[in-house]
Every structure is written in C-alpha cells, then in structure tokens.
C-alpha cells in the first residue's frame, strides 16, 4: 500500500476511537504516532505509523473526552496505547 492509498483508506475508515468505542463513523485527520517507539528523535512518525482521529480525539478534547495531544495519559487510559490503535487500524484497512 502506498502512502496516498493508506491516507485515503484511513480517511474512509474515520476516527478509530469513535469507531471502536462509540460505534460511529466520524470524519478524521491522519495522526502520526508520537513517541520514540514510532519515530526517530526530532522527527514525526513515518506514514506507516498513522491512525485516523477526529478533532475531539486528536487535538480538541477535554478531560472527559480526552485527545491524544491535549490529555495523552487520560487518552491512553481510556482508549489504549497508540500501538493498540495502530494494530486495530491496520486490521481494518
């Protein structure tokens, strides 16, 4: 699968959190996984290490509805690790 194909399929799939935990399809943006497990120091993750997240789960969450960037620890506690969400995404793609 090419980068463009992956991003298109992620977009068609929608937010992995909304799909897996709330059983709805939400428009999403491609999120490059963060952390040294997924990238080199100072660089973002490769296109293979990407998942789809809606605005609420990507950047604009609250403590009650955490986003990966605004409340990462709470996000992981509720929805699992980025590795887990990547595995789910890859299985569905």
C-alpha atoms as a PDB file:
ATOM      1  CA  UNK A   1       0.000   0.000   0.000  1.00  0.00           C
ATOM      2  CA  UNK A   2       1.318   3.459  -0.854  1.00  0.00           C
ATOM      3  CA  UNK A   3       1.201   6.498   1.403  1.00  0.00           C
ATOM      4  CA  UNK A   4      -1.661   8.041  -0.588  1.00  0.00           C
ATOM      5  CA  UNK A   5      -3.635   4.794  -0.512  1.00  0.00           C
ATOM      6  CA  UNK A   6      -3.147   4.464   3.247  1.00  0.00           C
ATOM      7  CA  UNK A   7      -4.231   8.041   3.941  1.00  0.00           C
ATOM      8  CA  UNK A   8      -7.283   7.645   1.686  1.00  0.00           C
ATOM      9  CA  UNK A   9      -8.301   4.407   3.391  1.00  0.00           C
ATOM     10  CA  UNK A  10      -7.787   5.937   6.853  1.00  0.00           C
ATOM     11  CA  UNK A  11      -9.993   8.837   5.816  1.00  0.00           C
ATOM     12  CA  UNK A  12     -12.678   6.410   4.601  1.00  0.00           C
ATOM     13  CA  UNK A  13     -12.417   4.437   7.867  1.00  0.00           C
ATOM     14  CA  UNK A  14     -12.855   7.522  10.067  1.00  0.00           C
ATOM     15  CA  UNK A  15     -11.737   8.084  13.652  1.00  0.00           C
ATOM     16  CA  UNK A  16     -10.558   4.777  15.093  1.00  0.00           C
ATOM     17  CA  UNK A  17     -11.606   5.781  18.626  1.00  0.00           C
ATOM     18  CA  UNK A  18     -15.137   6.773  17.598  1.00  0.00           C
ATOM     19  CA  UNK A  19     -15.462   3.578  15.568  1.00  0.00           C
ATOM     20  CA  UNK A  20     -14.087   1.193  18.195  1.00  0.00           C
ATOM     21  CA  UNK A  21     -15.528   2.709  21.366  1.00  0.00           C
ATOM     22  CA  UNK A  22     -18.631   4.669  20.311  1.00  0.00           C
ATOM     23  CA  UNK A  23     -19.676   2.689  17.199  1.00  0.00           C
ATOM     24  CA  UNK A  24     -19.984   5.772  14.991  1.00  0.00           C
ATOM     25  CA  UNK A  25     -18.120   6.963  11.925  1.00  0.00           C
ATOM     26  CA  UNK A  26     -16.522  10.377  12.359  1.00  0.00           C
ATOM     27  CA  UNK A  27     -14.500  12.368   9.837  1.00  0.00           C
ATOM     28  CA  UNK A  28     -10.845  12.261  10.759  1.00  0.00           C
ATOM     29  CA  UNK A  29      -7.391  13.639  10.200  1.00  0.00           C
ATOM     30  CA  UNK A  30      -4.332  11.458   9.854  1.00  0.00           C
ATOM     31  CA  UNK A  31      -2.398  11.331  13.133  1.00  0.00           C
ATOM     32  CA  UNK A  32       1.288  10.393  13.041  1.00  0.00           C
ATOM     33  CA  UNK A  33       2.016   8.400  16.184  1.00  0.00           C
ATOM     34  CA  UNK A  34       4.219  10.144  18.727  1.00  0.00           C
ATOM     35  CA  UNK A  35       6.970   8.767  20.915  1.00  0.00           C
ATOM     36  CA  UNK A  36      10.309   7.137  20.340  1.00  0.00           C
ATOM     37  CA  UNK A  37       8.694   3.777  19.611  1.00  0.00           C
ATOM     38  CA  UNK A  38       7.365   5.207  16.345  1.00  0.00           C
ATOM     39  CA  UNK A  39       9.927   7.783  15.181  1.00  0.00           C
ATOM     40  CA  UNK A  40      13.476   8.998  15.413  1.00  0.00           C
ATOM     41  CA  UNK A  41      14.307  11.820  17.781  1.00  0.00           C
ATOM     42  CA  UNK A  42      13.092  15.144  16.399  1.00  0.00           C
ATOM     43  CA  UNK A  43      11.101  13.605  13.539  1.00  0.00           C
ATOM     44  CA  UNK A  44       7.483  12.610  13.190  1.00  0.00           C
ATOM     45  CA  UNK A  45       6.462   9.029  12.593  1.00  0.00           C
ATOM     46  CA  UNK A  46       6.533   7.583   9.120  1.00  0.00           C
ATOM     47  CA  UNK A  47       3.333   7.373   7.122  1.00  0.00           C
ATOM     48  CA  UNK A  48       3.068   3.678   8.015  1.00  0.00           C
ATOM     49  CA  UNK A  49       2.639   4.621  11.700  1.00  0.00           C
ATOM     50  CA  UNK A  50      -0.569   6.595  11.292  1.00  0.00           C
ATOM     51  CA  UNK A  51      -4.147   6.333  12.502  1.00  0.00           C
ATOM     52  CA  UNK A  52      -7.280   8.385  11.932  1.00  0.00           C
ATOM     53  CA  UNK A  53      -8.540  10.625  14.726  1.00  0.00           C
ATOM     54  CA  UNK A  54     -11.378  13.148  14.728  1.00  0.00           C
ATOM     55  CA  UNK A  55     -10.767  16.638  16.081  1.00  0.00           C
ATOM     56  CA  UNK A  56     -12.073  15.747  19.519  1.00  0.00           C
ATOM     57  CA  UNK A  57      -9.756  12.754  19.878  1.00  0.00           C
ATOM     58  CA  UNK A  58      -6.811  14.328  18.061  1.00  0.00           C
ATOM     59  CA  UNK A  59      -6.400  17.844  19.473  1.00  0.00           C
ATOM     60  CA  UNK A  60      -9.525  19.384  20.949  1.00  0.00           C
ATOM     61  CA  UNK A  61     -10.510  17.009  23.702  1.00  0.00           C
ATOM     62  CA  UNK A  62     -11.301  17.666  27.328  1.00  0.00           C
ATOM     63  CA  UNK A  63     -10.564  15.608  30.421  1.00  0.00           C
ATOM     64  CA  UNK A  64     -13.990  13.977  29.979  1.00  0.00           C
ATOM     65  CA  UNK A  65     -13.344  13.302  26.265  1.00  0.00           C
ATOM     66  CA  UNK A  66      -9.536  13.243  26.029  1.00  0.00           C
ATOM     67  CA  UNK A  67      -7.494  13.968  22.923  1.00  0.00           C
ATOM     68  CA  UNK A  68      -4.111  12.413  22.243  1.00  0.00           C
ATOM     69  CA  UNK A  69      -2.368  15.805  22.187  1.00  0.00           C
ATOM     70  CA  UNK A  70      -4.197  17.626  24.979  1.00  0.00           C
ATOM     71  CA  UNK A  71      -4.617  14.804  27.533  1.00  0.00           C
ATOM     72  CA  UNK A  72      -2.325  11.949  26.441  1.00  0.00           C
ATOM     73  CA  UNK A  73      -2.300   9.978  29.702  1.00  0.00           C
ATOM     74  CA  UNK A  74      -6.093  10.031  30.024  1.00  0.00           C
ATOM     75  CA  UNK A  75      -6.459   9.242  26.321  1.00  0.00           C
ATOM     76  CA  UNK A  76      -4.281   6.148  26.694  1.00  0.00           C
ATOM     77  CA  UNK A  77      -6.018   5.060  29.892  1.00  0.00           C
ATOM     78  CA  UNK A  78      -9.419   5.156  28.188  1.00  0.00           C
ATOM     79  CA  UNK A  79      -8.663   4.060  24.659  1.00  0.00           C
ATOM     80  CA  UNK A  80      -5.409   2.111  24.825  1.00  0.00           C
ATOM     81  CA  UNK A  81      -1.931   2.767  23.550  1.00  0.00           C
ATOM     82  CA  UNK A  82      -1.123   4.191  20.164  1.00  0.00           C
ATOM     83  CA  UNK A  83       0.328   0.789  19.285  1.00  0.00           C
ATOM     84  CA  UNK A  84      -3.021  -0.844  20.078  1.00  0.00           C
ATOM     85  CA  UNK A  85      -4.913   1.705  17.965  1.00  0.00           C
ATOM     86  CA  UNK A  86      -2.412   1.253  15.133  1.00  0.00           C
ATOM     87  CA  UNK A  87      -2.971  -2.515  15.245  1.00  0.00           C
ATOM     88  CA  UNK A  88      -6.761  -2.012  15.096  1.00  0.00           C
ATOM     89  CA  UNK A  89      -6.396   0.414  12.204  1.00  0.00           C
ATOM     90  CA  UNK A  90      -4.141  -1.939  10.261  1.00  0.00           C
ATOM     91  CA  UNK A  91      -6.534  -4.844  10.768  1.00  0.00           C
ATOM     92  CA  UNK A  92      -9.462  -2.786   9.467  1.00  0.00           C
ATOM     93  CA  UNK A  93      -7.556  -1.444   6.491  1.00  0.00           C
END
